[in-house]
Each structure stands twice: as structure tokens, then as C-alpha cells.
């Protein structure tokens, strides 16, 4: 075989090998882009679904109707009076209901840590309103029932540790079956989350 033909075959072979390598690199880059896009979509979707789950569990936690069976696991204190039992059972029930809400918030935290790396650092801040809502509800529950317990344990005193206005505010934070400031703030937080993650959801 003539040397020139051998050289030509070698050149063509080198070109084909180089082209194959370039195509492999392009294919790998496209795969990485697609994988990253899918990961971002799944993470954004998870955050929105968790936020909606938070709203549902918040509605349940704040439902005014409680049932005796919800407090059946509470340990009865020694020499506990009936009027104390009513308050302690309500307090226990409210805290038990918060467990589901706390679990969802924990998952939101985990998703926000992922978002800080995979999406944008500022997207991690989108769960702050949910943290504040949970914290305000937990604080209101503990404060309200603690003062109520003090009141029934000291019936002889007429001194109130909190004003009626503050007591009403705490009660309104704890109980609600319709729309109020807390439910509106929750809806606003979910909508803000959707708007900021819209580019990843493709909607």
C-alpha cells in the first residue's frame, strides 16, 4: 500500500477519534445539564409540596375542636385537680398536634440546605416565614396554658398575670378554623416560594 494512502488513512482515523471524543464530551455536558435541571426541578417541587403540607398541618393544629382521646397518653400528676386536668389535657393535645407540623418544618429545613447549594443561597431564606409561624404558635400555646394553670391553682388571688387583651391574642393565635392573619401569612409565604422557584418548575 502506498505510503501516502497509509498516511491519509491515519489522518482520517485521527480525525474520527477526535470527533468521537468531542461528541462524547458534548454528550457528557448535555447529560450533566439535564441531570442538574432534573435535580433542581425535584428540589423545587419538594419545597412547594412541603410548604403546602405545612399549611394543612397548621390548619389541623389550630382547629378549636379537641377530643379527650388525644390526651390519653398524658401522665396524670399526683393530686391533680379536675380543673387542672382540663388545662393540662388541652396543653398536651396542642403540643401533640404540633409534632406533625414540626416534622414538616424539619423537612423544609433539609430542603432549604439543599437549595442553598443546588439552587441559590437566597432560596434558603424562603422558609423563614414558616419558622416564624411555627415559633409564634408554639410560644402562644405554652404561654396561654401556663398562665391558665397558674390561674386555676391560685383561685384566691384576683391578680392577673396577663391582660385580657393579651389573653385574647394568644387564644386567637392558637385557635382558628377560618381565615386570619396567620393563615394569610402562610398563603403568602407559599406564593412567594412558588414565584421564586417558578423557573425551576417550568411553570
N, C-alpha and C. Protein backbone atom coordinates (compact mmCIF):
# COMPACT_ATOMS: atom_id res chain seq x y z
N UNK A 1 0.86 -1.20 0.00
CA UNK A 1 0.00 0.00 0.00
C UNK A 1 0.89 1.23 0.00
N UNK A 2 0.61 2.18 -0.90
CA UNK A 2 1.43 3.40 -0.98
C UNK A 2 1.45 4.13 0.36
N UNK A 3 2.60 4.74 0.67
CA UNK A 3 2.76 5.43 1.95
C UNK A 3 1.77 6.57 2.08
N UNK A 4 1.49 7.27 0.96
CA UNK A 4 0.57 8.42 1.03
C UNK A 4 -0.82 7.97 1.44
N UNK A 5 -1.21 6.77 0.98
CA UNK A 5 -2.53 6.24 1.32
C UNK A 5 -2.58 5.86 2.81
N UNK A 6 -1.46 5.29 3.26
CA UNK A 6 -1.37 4.92 4.68
C UNK A 6 -1.47 6.16 5.55
N UNK A 7 -0.76 7.24 5.13
CA UNK A 7 -0.79 8.50 5.89
C UNK A 7 -2.21 9.08 5.91
N UNK A 8 -2.91 8.98 4.74
CA UNK A 8 -4.27 9.51 4.65
C UNK A 8 -5.21 8.76 5.57
N UNK A 9 -5.06 7.43 5.59
CA UNK A 9 -5.91 6.60 6.47
C UNK A 9 -5.65 6.95 7.93
N UNK A 10 -4.39 7.20 8.26
CA UNK A 10 -4.01 7.54 9.63
C UNK A 10 -4.62 8.87 10.04
N UNK A 11 -4.57 9.83 9.08
CA UNK A 11 -5.14 11.16 9.36
C UNK A 11 -6.64 11.07 9.58
N UNK A 12 -7.31 10.32 8.69
CA UNK A 12 -8.77 10.15 8.81
C UNK A 12 -9.12 9.46 10.13
N UNK A 13 -8.31 8.46 10.50
CA UNK A 13 -8.54 7.75 11.75
C UNK A 13 -8.41 8.69 12.95
N UNK A 14 -7.37 9.54 12.90
CA UNK A 14 -7.17 10.51 13.99
C UNK A 14 -8.34 11.48 14.08
N UNK A 15 -8.82 11.91 12.90
CA UNK A 15 -9.95 12.85 12.87
C UNK A 15 -11.19 12.20 13.47
N UNK A 16 -11.44 10.95 13.09
CA UNK A 16 -12.61 10.23 13.61
C UNK A 16 -12.53 10.04 15.12
N UNK A 17 -11.34 9.70 15.60
CA UNK A 17 -11.14 9.53 17.05
C UNK A 17 -11.37 10.85 17.77
N UNK A 18 -10.82 11.94 17.20
CA UNK A 18 -11.00 13.27 17.80
C UNK A 18 -12.46 13.68 17.81
N UNK A 19 -13.16 13.42 16.69
CA UNK A 19 -14.59 13.77 16.60
C UNK A 19 -15.40 12.99 17.62
N UNK A 20 -15.04 11.71 17.77
CA UNK A 20 -15.75 10.87 18.74
C UNK A 20 -15.54 11.38 20.16
N UNK A 21 -14.32 11.83 20.44
CA UNK A 21 -14.02 12.37 21.77
C UNK A 21 -14.79 13.65 22.03
N UNK A 22 -14.85 14.51 20.99
CA UNK A 22 -15.59 15.76 21.12
C UNK A 22 -17.08 15.49 21.35
N UNK A 23 -17.64 14.54 20.59
CA UNK A 23 -19.05 14.18 20.75
C UNK A 23 -19.32 13.61 22.14
N UNK A 24 -18.36 12.85 22.66
CA UNK A 24 -18.50 12.27 24.00
C UNK A 24 -18.53 13.36 25.06
N UNK A 25 -17.66 14.36 24.88
CA UNK A 25 -17.60 15.49 25.82
C UNK A 25 -18.91 16.28 25.78
N UNK A 26 -19.38 16.55 24.55
CA UNK A 26 -20.64 17.29 24.39
C UNK A 26 -21.80 16.51 25.02
N UNK A 27 -21.79 15.18 24.77
CA UNK A 27 -22.84 14.33 25.34
C UNK A 27 -22.81 14.33 26.86
N UNK A 28 -21.60 14.31 27.42
CA UNK A 28 -21.45 14.33 28.87
C UNK A 28 -21.93 15.65 29.45
N UNK A 29 -21.62 16.75 28.77
CA UNK A 29 -22.05 18.06 29.24
C UNK A 29 -23.58 18.18 29.18
N UNK A 30 -24.17 17.67 28.09
CA UNK A 30 -25.62 17.70 27.98
C UNK A 30 -26.28 16.87 29.08
N UNK A 31 -25.67 15.73 29.37
CA UNK A 31 -26.19 14.85 30.43
C UNK A 31 -26.13 15.55 31.79
N UNK A 32 -25.02 16.25 32.02
CA UNK A 32 -24.87 16.98 33.28
C UNK A 32 -25.91 18.09 33.40
N UNK A 33 -26.15 18.80 32.31
CA UNK A 33 -27.15 19.88 32.30
C UNK A 33 -28.54 19.32 32.57
N UNK A 34 -28.85 18.20 31.90
CA UNK A 34 -30.16 17.57 32.08
C UNK A 34 -30.33 17.06 33.51
N UNK A 35 -29.28 16.46 34.05
CA UNK A 35 -29.32 15.93 35.41
C UNK A 35 -29.49 17.06 36.42
N UNK A 36 -28.77 18.15 36.23
CA UNK A 36 -28.87 19.29 37.13
C UNK A 36 -30.28 19.90 37.05
N UNK A 37 -30.81 19.99 35.82
CA UNK A 37 -32.16 20.53 35.64
C UNK A 37 -33.20 19.68 36.34
N UNK A 38 -33.04 18.37 36.24
CA UNK A 38 -33.98 17.45 36.89
C UNK A 38 -33.87 17.55 38.41
N UNK A 39 -32.63 17.64 38.89
CA UNK A 39 -32.40 17.76 40.34
C UNK A 39 -33.02 19.05 40.87
N UNK A 40 -32.85 20.14 40.14
CA UNK A 40 -33.42 21.41 40.56
C UNK A 40 -34.95 21.36 40.55
N UNK A 41 -35.51 20.73 39.54
CA UNK A 41 -36.96 20.60 39.45
C UNK A 41 -37.51 19.82 40.63
N UNK A 42 -36.88 18.67 40.93
CA UNK A 42 -37.34 17.82 42.03
C UNK A 42 -37.24 18.54 43.37
N UNK A 43 -36.16 19.29 43.55
CA UNK A 43 -35.97 20.01 44.81
C UNK A 43 -36.99 21.14 44.96
N UNK A 44 -37.19 21.90 43.89
CA UNK A 44 -38.17 22.98 43.92
C UNK A 44 -39.57 22.44 44.16
N UNK A 45 -39.89 21.34 43.50
CA UNK A 45 -41.21 20.70 43.67
C UNK A 45 -41.39 20.23 45.11
N UNK A 46 -40.33 19.64 45.68
CA UNK A 46 -40.40 19.15 47.05
C UNK A 46 -40.65 20.30 48.03
N UNK A 47 -40.00 21.42 47.81
CA UNK A 47 -40.16 22.57 48.71
C UNK A 47 -41.58 23.11 48.67
N UNK A 48 -42.15 23.19 47.48
CA UNK A 48 -43.53 23.68 47.34
C UNK A 48 -44.51 22.71 48.01
N UNK A 49 -44.33 21.42 47.78
CA UNK A 49 -45.22 20.42 48.37
C UNK A 49 -45.12 20.41 49.89
N UNK A 50 -43.92 20.59 50.42
CA UNK A 50 -43.73 20.64 51.87
C UNK A 50 -44.39 21.89 52.46
N UNK A 51 -44.30 22.98 51.73
CA UNK A 51 -44.94 24.23 52.19
C UNK A 51 -46.45 24.06 52.25
N UNK A 52 -47.02 23.40 51.25
CA UNK A 52 -48.46 23.14 51.25
C UNK A 52 -48.85 22.17 52.35
N UNK A 53 -48.00 21.19 52.60
CA UNK A 53 -48.23 20.24 53.70
C UNK A 53 -48.20 20.97 55.04
N UNK A 54 -47.29 21.93 55.16
CA UNK A 54 -47.19 22.75 56.37
C UNK A 54 -48.52 23.47 56.62
N UNK A 55 -49.08 24.04 55.57
CA UNK A 55 -50.36 24.75 55.69
C UNK A 55 -51.47 23.81 56.17
N UNK A 56 -51.52 22.62 55.62
CA UNK A 56 -52.55 21.65 56.01
C UNK A 56 -52.41 21.25 57.48
N UNK A 57 -51.19 20.99 57.90
CA UNK A 57 -50.96 20.58 59.29
C UNK A 57 -51.15 21.74 60.26
N UNK A 58 -50.88 22.94 59.80
CA UNK A 58 -51.13 24.13 60.62
C UNK A 58 -52.63 24.29 60.86
N UNK A 59 -53.42 24.06 59.83
CA UNK A 59 -54.88 24.13 59.94
C UNK A 59 -55.38 23.13 60.98
N UNK A 60 -54.83 21.92 60.93
CA UNK A 60 -55.23 20.88 61.89
C UNK A 60 -54.80 21.26 63.31
N UNK A 61 -53.57 21.75 63.45
CA UNK A 61 -53.05 22.09 64.77
C UNK A 61 -53.86 23.20 65.43
N UNK A 62 -54.44 24.10 64.63
CA UNK A 62 -55.17 25.24 65.18
C UNK A 62 -56.68 25.00 65.25
N UNK A 63 -57.12 23.82 64.88
CA UNK A 63 -58.55 23.53 64.95
C UNK A 63 -59.02 23.62 66.40
N UNK A 64 -60.04 24.42 66.69
CA UNK A 64 -60.50 24.60 68.07
C UNK A 64 -61.03 23.32 68.72
N UNK A 65 -61.54 22.40 67.92
CA UNK A 65 -62.12 21.18 68.46
C UNK A 65 -61.04 20.19 68.86
N UNK A 66 -61.02 19.84 70.15
CA UNK A 66 -60.10 18.81 70.64
C UNK A 66 -60.94 17.70 71.28
N UNK A 67 -60.36 16.51 71.36
CA UNK A 67 -61.09 15.36 71.88
C UNK A 67 -60.30 14.71 73.01
N UNK A 68 -61.04 14.17 73.97
CA UNK A 68 -60.41 13.60 75.16
C UNK A 68 -59.39 12.53 74.83
N UNK A 69 -59.64 11.76 73.79
CA UNK A 69 -58.73 10.70 73.41
C UNK A 69 -57.36 11.18 72.98
N UNK A 70 -57.25 12.44 72.59
CA UNK A 70 -55.97 12.98 72.14
C UNK A 70 -54.98 13.11 73.29
N UNK A 71 -55.48 13.15 74.52
CA UNK A 71 -54.61 13.33 75.67
C UNK A 71 -54.48 12.06 76.51
N UNK A 72 -54.90 10.94 75.96
CA UNK A 72 -54.91 9.71 76.77
C UNK A 72 -53.51 9.23 77.14
N UNK A 73 -52.49 9.66 76.43
CA UNK A 73 -51.12 9.24 76.74
C UNK A 73 -50.46 10.14 77.78
N UNK A 74 -51.12 11.20 78.16
CA UNK A 74 -50.53 12.12 79.14
C UNK A 74 -50.47 11.46 80.52
N UNK A 75 -49.35 11.65 81.19
CA UNK A 75 -49.18 11.10 82.54
C UNK A 75 -49.88 12.00 83.54
N UNK A 76 -50.82 11.45 84.29
CA UNK A 76 -51.57 12.21 85.28
C UNK A 76 -50.67 12.50 86.49
N UNK A 77 -50.68 13.76 86.91
CA UNK A 77 -49.87 14.14 88.06
C UNK A 77 -50.54 13.75 89.37
N UNK A 78 -49.73 13.59 90.40
CA UNK A 78 -50.26 13.24 91.72
C UNK A 78 -51.09 14.40 92.28
N UNK A 79 -52.23 14.08 92.84
CA UNK A 79 -53.15 15.07 93.43
C UNK A 79 -53.62 16.11 92.40
N UNK A 80 -53.73 15.69 91.17
CA UNK A 80 -54.18 16.60 90.11
C UNK A 80 -55.67 16.88 90.24
N UNK A 81 -56.04 18.14 90.25
CA UNK A 81 -57.44 18.52 90.39
C UNK A 81 -58.13 18.48 89.02
N UNK A 82 -59.45 18.26 88.99
CA UNK A 82 -60.18 18.18 87.71
C UNK A 82 -60.00 19.41 86.83
N UNK A 83 -60.03 20.60 87.45
CA UNK A 83 -59.87 21.83 86.66
C UNK A 83 -58.46 21.95 86.09
N UNK A 84 -57.49 21.37 86.81
CA UNK A 84 -56.12 21.35 86.29
C UNK A 84 -56.01 20.36 85.14
N UNK A 85 -56.70 19.24 85.26
CA UNK A 85 -56.67 18.21 84.22
C UNK A 85 -57.16 18.75 82.88
N UNK A 86 -58.20 19.57 82.93
CA UNK A 86 -58.75 20.14 81.69
C UNK A 86 -57.69 20.94 80.96
N UNK A 87 -56.98 21.78 81.70
CA UNK A 87 -55.96 22.64 81.10
C UNK A 87 -54.75 21.82 80.65
N UNK A 88 -54.31 20.89 81.48
CA UNK A 88 -53.16 20.06 81.14
C UNK A 88 -53.45 19.17 79.93
N UNK A 89 -54.67 18.68 79.83
CA UNK A 89 -55.05 17.86 78.66
C UNK A 89 -55.05 18.70 77.39
N UNK A 90 -55.59 19.92 77.49
CA UNK A 90 -55.60 20.81 76.32
C UNK A 90 -54.18 21.17 75.89
N UNK A 91 -53.35 21.48 76.87
CA UNK A 91 -51.96 21.84 76.58
C UNK A 91 -51.24 20.67 75.90
N UNK A 92 -51.40 19.49 76.46
CA UNK A 92 -50.78 18.29 75.91
C UNK A 92 -51.26 18.03 74.47
N UNK A 93 -52.56 18.15 74.25
CA UNK A 93 -53.14 17.91 72.93
C UNK A 93 -52.57 18.87 71.89
N UNK A 94 -52.47 20.14 72.27
CA UNK A 94 -51.94 21.15 71.34
C UNK A 94 -50.48 20.84 70.97
N UNK A 95 -49.70 20.46 71.97
CA UNK A 95 -48.29 20.14 71.70
C UNK A 95 -48.15 18.88 70.86
N UNK A 96 -49.04 17.92 71.08
CA UNK A 96 -49.02 16.70 70.27
C UNK A 96 -49.33 17.01 68.82
N UNK A 97 -50.28 17.88 68.60
CA UNK A 97 -50.65 18.26 67.23
C UNK A 97 -49.50 18.97 66.52
N UNK A 98 -48.69 19.66 67.29
CA UNK A 98 -47.57 20.39 66.71
C UNK A 98 -46.46 19.48 66.20
N UNK A 99 -46.46 18.24 66.65
CA UNK A 99 -45.38 17.32 66.25
C UNK A 99 -45.36 17.10 64.74
N UNK A 100 -46.54 16.94 64.14
CA UNK A 100 -46.60 16.77 62.69
C UNK A 100 -46.12 18.01 61.97
N UNK A 101 -46.48 19.17 62.50
CA UNK A 101 -46.05 20.44 61.92
C UNK A 101 -44.54 20.61 62.04
N UNK A 102 -44.02 20.22 63.19
CA UNK A 102 -42.57 20.30 63.43
C UNK A 102 -41.80 19.39 62.47
N UNK A 103 -42.35 18.20 62.22
CA UNK A 103 -41.71 17.25 61.30
C UNK A 103 -41.64 17.82 59.88
N UNK A 104 -42.73 18.42 59.45
CA UNK A 104 -42.75 19.03 58.11
C UNK A 104 -41.76 20.18 58.03
N UNK A 105 -41.69 20.98 59.09
CA UNK A 105 -40.75 22.09 59.13
C UNK A 105 -39.31 21.58 59.08
N UNK A 106 -39.05 20.46 59.72
CA UNK A 106 -37.71 19.86 59.68
C UNK A 106 -37.34 19.47 58.25
N UNK A 107 -38.30 18.88 57.53
CA UNK A 107 -38.05 18.52 56.13
C UNK A 107 -37.85 19.77 55.27
N UNK A 108 -38.55 20.82 55.59
CA UNK A 108 -38.36 22.09 54.88
C UNK A 108 -36.96 22.63 55.12
N UNK A 109 -36.48 22.50 56.35
CA UNK A 109 -35.12 22.91 56.67
C UNK A 109 -34.11 22.15 55.82
N UNK A 110 -34.28 20.84 55.76
CA UNK A 110 -33.36 20.00 54.98
C UNK A 110 -33.37 20.40 53.51
N UNK A 111 -34.56 20.66 52.98
CA UNK A 111 -34.68 21.07 51.58
C UNK A 111 -34.03 22.42 51.35
N UNK A 112 -34.14 23.31 52.34
CA UNK A 112 -33.54 24.65 52.20
C UNK A 112 -32.03 24.58 52.17
N UNK A 113 -31.45 23.62 52.92
CA UNK A 113 -30.00 23.45 52.90
C UNK A 113 -29.54 22.98 51.52
N UNK A 114 -30.32 22.09 50.91
CA UNK A 114 -30.03 21.65 49.55
C UNK A 114 -30.17 22.81 48.57
N UNK A 115 -31.23 23.60 48.78
CA UNK A 115 -31.49 24.73 47.88
C UNK A 115 -30.35 25.74 47.91
N UNK A 116 -29.74 25.90 49.07
CA UNK A 116 -28.64 26.85 49.22
C UNK A 116 -27.47 26.47 48.32
N UNK A 117 -27.31 25.16 48.06
CA UNK A 117 -26.20 24.67 47.24
C UNK A 117 -26.61 24.48 45.79
N UNK A 118 -27.76 23.83 45.58
CA UNK A 118 -28.18 23.44 44.24
C UNK A 118 -28.89 24.57 43.49
N UNK A 119 -29.67 25.38 44.21
CA UNK A 119 -30.39 26.48 43.56
C UNK A 119 -29.62 27.78 43.77
N UNK A 120 -30.09 28.61 44.68
CA UNK A 120 -29.40 29.85 45.01
C UNK A 120 -29.38 30.01 46.52
N UNK A 121 -28.33 30.62 47.08
CA UNK A 121 -28.26 30.79 48.54
C UNK A 121 -29.48 31.50 49.12
N UNK A 122 -30.00 32.48 48.39
CA UNK A 122 -31.14 33.25 48.91
C UNK A 122 -32.43 32.43 48.99
N UNK A 123 -32.49 31.33 48.25
CA UNK A 123 -33.70 30.50 48.28
C UNK A 123 -33.86 29.79 49.62
N UNK A 124 -32.77 29.65 50.35
CA UNK A 124 -32.85 29.04 51.68
C UNK A 124 -33.64 29.93 52.64
N UNK A 125 -33.67 31.23 52.33
CA UNK A 125 -34.37 32.18 53.19
C UNK A 125 -35.88 32.09 53.04
N UNK A 126 -36.35 31.39 52.02
CA UNK A 126 -37.79 31.33 51.74
C UNK A 126 -38.59 30.57 52.79
N UNK A 127 -37.90 29.80 53.63
CA UNK A 127 -38.64 29.04 54.64
C UNK A 127 -38.74 29.80 55.96
N UNK A 128 -38.12 30.94 56.06
CA UNK A 128 -38.14 31.70 57.32
C UNK A 128 -39.55 32.04 57.80
N UNK A 129 -40.46 32.44 56.90
CA UNK A 129 -41.83 32.72 57.37
C UNK A 129 -42.48 31.51 58.03
N UNK A 130 -42.18 30.32 57.54
CA UNK A 130 -42.75 29.10 58.14
C UNK A 130 -42.17 28.86 59.53
N UNK A 131 -40.89 29.15 59.70
CA UNK A 131 -40.26 29.04 61.01
C UNK A 131 -40.91 29.99 62.00
N UNK A 132 -41.15 31.22 61.56
CA UNK A 132 -41.73 32.25 62.42
C UNK A 132 -43.16 31.89 62.82
N UNK A 133 -43.92 31.35 61.88
CA UNK A 133 -45.30 30.95 62.15
C UNK A 133 -45.33 29.82 63.18
N UNK A 134 -44.47 28.83 62.99
CA UNK A 134 -44.40 27.71 63.94
C UNK A 134 -43.99 28.21 65.32
N UNK A 135 -42.97 29.05 65.36
CA UNK A 135 -42.46 29.57 66.62
C UNK A 135 -43.51 30.38 67.37
N UNK A 136 -44.24 31.20 66.65
CA UNK A 136 -45.28 32.03 67.29
C UNK A 136 -46.40 31.17 67.85
N UNK A 137 -46.75 30.09 67.15
CA UNK A 137 -47.80 29.20 67.63
C UNK A 137 -47.34 28.43 68.87
N UNK A 138 -46.13 27.91 68.84
CA UNK A 138 -45.59 27.17 69.98
C UNK A 138 -45.51 28.07 71.22
N UNK A 139 -45.03 29.29 71.02
CA UNK A 139 -44.92 30.24 72.13
C UNK A 139 -46.28 30.57 72.71
N UNK A 140 -47.26 30.79 71.84
CA UNK A 140 -48.61 31.13 72.29
C UNK A 140 -49.23 29.99 73.09
N UNK A 141 -49.04 28.77 72.62
CA UNK A 141 -49.59 27.60 73.32
C UNK A 141 -49.01 27.48 74.72
N UNK A 142 -47.69 27.51 74.82
CA UNK A 142 -47.04 27.36 76.12
C UNK A 142 -47.39 28.50 77.07
N UNK A 143 -47.42 29.70 76.56
CA UNK A 143 -47.71 30.86 77.39
C UNK A 143 -49.15 30.85 77.88
N UNK A 144 -50.08 30.59 76.98
CA UNK A 144 -51.51 30.63 77.32
C UNK A 144 -51.85 29.59 78.40
N UNK A 145 -51.44 28.33 78.17
CA UNK A 145 -51.83 27.28 79.10
C UNK A 145 -51.04 27.33 80.41
N UNK A 146 -49.84 27.89 80.38
CA UNK A 146 -49.08 28.08 81.62
C UNK A 146 -49.79 29.08 82.52
N UNK A 147 -50.26 30.17 81.94
CA UNK A 147 -50.98 31.18 82.72
C UNK A 147 -52.33 30.66 83.20
N UNK A 148 -52.98 29.86 82.36
CA UNK A 148 -54.26 29.28 82.75
C UNK A 148 -54.08 28.33 83.93
N UNK A 149 -53.00 27.58 83.92
CA UNK A 149 -52.73 26.65 85.02
C UNK A 149 -52.45 27.41 86.31
N UNK A 150 -51.70 28.48 86.22
CA UNK A 150 -51.43 29.32 87.39
C UNK A 150 -52.73 29.89 87.94
N UNK A 151 -53.62 30.28 87.06
CA UNK A 151 -54.90 30.88 87.47
C UNK A 151 -55.75 29.90 88.27
N UNK A 152 -55.88 28.65 87.78
CA UNK A 152 -56.73 27.69 88.49
C UNK A 152 -56.06 27.17 89.77
N UNK A 153 -54.77 27.25 89.83
CA UNK A 153 -54.07 26.80 91.04
C UNK A 153 -54.04 27.87 92.12
N UNK A 154 -54.36 29.10 91.72
CA UNK A 154 -54.40 30.20 92.68
C UNK A 154 -55.72 30.95 92.57
N UNK A 155 -56.83 30.28 92.87
CA UNK A 155 -58.15 30.89 92.70
C UNK A 155 -58.43 32.05 93.66
N UNK A 156 -57.69 32.10 94.76
CA UNK A 156 -57.95 33.13 95.76
C UNK A 156 -57.47 34.51 95.33
N UNK A 157 -56.48 34.54 94.44
CA UNK A 157 -55.94 35.83 94.02
C UNK A 157 -56.70 36.39 92.83
N UNK A 158 -56.87 37.68 92.82
CA UNK A 158 -57.55 38.35 91.69
C UNK A 158 -56.55 38.99 90.74
N UNK A 159 -55.27 38.81 91.03
CA UNK A 159 -54.23 39.41 90.20
C UNK A 159 -54.04 38.57 88.94
N UNK A 160 -54.17 39.22 87.79
CA UNK A 160 -53.98 38.53 86.52
C UNK A 160 -52.56 38.76 86.02
N UNK A 161 -51.91 37.68 85.60
CA UNK A 161 -50.53 37.79 85.13
C UNK A 161 -50.45 38.37 83.72
N UNK A 162 -51.54 38.27 82.98
CA UNK A 162 -51.59 38.87 81.64
C UNK A 162 -52.91 39.59 81.47
N UNK A 163 -52.91 40.57 80.59
CA UNK A 163 -54.13 41.34 80.33
C UNK A 163 -55.13 40.51 79.53
N UNK A 164 -56.38 40.91 79.58
CA UNK A 164 -57.41 40.21 78.81
C UNK A 164 -57.13 40.32 77.31
N UNK A 165 -56.57 41.46 76.91
CA UNK A 165 -56.24 41.67 75.50
C UNK A 165 -55.15 40.69 75.05
N UNK A 166 -54.13 40.51 75.90
CA UNK A 166 -53.05 39.58 75.57
C UNK A 166 -53.57 38.14 75.58
N UNK A 167 -54.43 37.84 76.54
CA UNK A 167 -55.02 36.51 76.62
C UNK A 167 -55.83 36.21 75.36
N UNK A 168 -56.58 37.20 74.90
CA UNK A 168 -57.37 37.03 73.68
C UNK A 168 -56.47 36.84 72.46
N UNK A 169 -55.37 37.59 72.43
CA UNK A 169 -54.43 37.48 71.31
C UNK A 169 -53.83 36.08 71.25
N UNK A 170 -53.43 35.57 72.40
CA UNK A 170 -52.86 34.22 72.46
C UNK A 170 -53.87 33.18 72.02
N UNK A 171 -55.10 33.33 72.48
CA UNK A 171 -56.16 32.39 72.13
C UNK A 171 -56.44 32.40 70.64
N UNK A 172 -56.43 33.59 70.05
CA UNK A 172 -56.67 33.71 68.60
C UNK A 172 -55.51 33.12 67.79
N UNK A 173 -54.32 33.15 68.35
CA UNK A 173 -53.17 32.53 67.68
C UNK A 173 -53.29 31.01 67.69
N UNK A 174 -53.76 30.50 68.82
CA UNK A 174 -53.87 29.05 68.99
C UNK A 174 -55.03 28.46 68.21
N UNK A 175 -56.19 29.11 68.29
CA UNK A 175 -57.42 28.57 67.69
C UNK A 175 -57.88 29.38 66.48
N UNK A 176 -58.13 28.69 65.40
CA UNK A 176 -58.72 29.34 64.22
C UNK A 176 -59.16 28.27 63.24
N UNK A 177 -60.38 28.40 62.74
CA UNK A 177 -60.86 27.43 61.76
C UNK A 177 -61.09 28.08 60.40
N UNK A 178 -61.00 29.39 60.36
CA UNK A 178 -61.20 30.11 59.11
C UNK A 178 -59.95 30.84 58.67
N UNK A 179 -60.15 31.96 58.04
CA UNK A 179 -59.03 32.76 57.54
C UNK A 179 -58.69 33.86 58.54
N UNK A 180 -57.42 34.01 58.84
CA UNK A 180 -56.97 35.08 59.72
C UNK A 180 -55.57 35.50 59.29
N UNK A 181 -54.92 36.33 60.10
CA UNK A 181 -53.59 36.83 59.74
C UNK A 181 -52.58 35.71 59.54
N UNK A 182 -52.61 34.72 60.43
CA UNK A 182 -51.64 33.62 60.33
C UNK A 182 -51.85 32.80 59.06
N UNK A 183 -53.12 32.49 58.76
CA UNK A 183 -53.40 31.71 57.54
C UNK A 183 -53.03 32.51 56.29
N UNK A 184 -53.28 33.83 56.34
CA UNK A 184 -52.92 34.68 55.19
C UNK A 184 -51.40 34.75 55.03
N UNK A 185 -50.69 34.86 56.14
CA UNK A 185 -49.22 34.90 56.08
C UNK A 185 -48.66 33.59 55.53
N UNK A 186 -49.31 32.49 55.89
CA UNK A 186 -48.88 31.18 55.38
C UNK A 186 -49.10 31.09 53.87
N UNK A 187 -50.26 31.52 53.42
CA UNK A 187 -50.55 31.52 51.98
C UNK A 187 -49.57 32.42 51.22
N UNK A 188 -49.25 33.58 51.81
CA UNK A 188 -48.31 34.50 51.18
C UNK A 188 -46.92 33.89 51.07
N UNK A 189 -46.52 33.16 52.11
CA UNK A 189 -45.20 32.51 52.11
C UNK A 189 -45.13 31.43 51.04
N UNK A 190 -46.23 30.70 50.87
CA UNK A 190 -46.28 29.65 49.84
C UNK A 190 -46.23 30.28 48.45
N UNK A 191 -46.96 31.36 48.27
CA UNK A 191 -46.99 32.03 46.97
C UNK A 191 -45.62 32.60 46.63
N UNK A 192 -44.95 33.18 47.60
CA UNK A 192 -43.60 33.72 47.38
C UNK A 192 -42.63 32.60 47.01
N UNK A 193 -42.79 31.46 47.65
CA UNK A 193 -41.95 30.30 47.35
C UNK A 193 -42.16 29.87 45.90
N UNK A 194 -43.41 29.80 45.48
CA UNK A 194 -43.74 29.39 44.11
C UNK A 194 -43.15 30.36 43.09
N UNK A 195 -43.28 31.64 43.36
CA UNK A 195 -42.79 32.66 42.43
C UNK A 195 -41.28 32.56 42.26
N UNK A 196 -40.57 32.39 43.38
CA UNK A 196 -39.11 32.31 43.33
C UNK A 196 -38.58 31.03 42.71
N UNK A 197 -39.38 29.97 42.79
CA UNK A 197 -38.94 28.67 42.24
C UNK A 197 -39.56 28.37 40.88
N UNK A 198 -40.30 29.31 40.34
CA UNK A 198 -41.03 29.11 39.09
C UNK A 198 -40.12 28.69 37.94
N UNK A 199 -38.94 29.27 37.85
CA UNK A 199 -38.01 28.97 36.75
C UNK A 199 -37.56 27.52 36.76
N UNK A 200 -37.53 26.92 37.94
CA UNK A 200 -37.10 25.51 38.05
C UNK A 200 -38.26 24.55 37.82
N UNK A 201 -39.46 25.03 38.07
CA UNK A 201 -40.65 24.18 37.91
C UNK A 201 -41.19 24.18 36.48
N UNK A 202 -40.73 25.13 35.69
CA UNK A 202 -41.15 25.19 34.30
C UNK A 202 -42.59 25.61 34.14
N UNK A 203 -43.10 26.42 35.07
CA UNK A 203 -44.49 26.89 35.01
C UNK A 203 -44.52 28.39 34.95
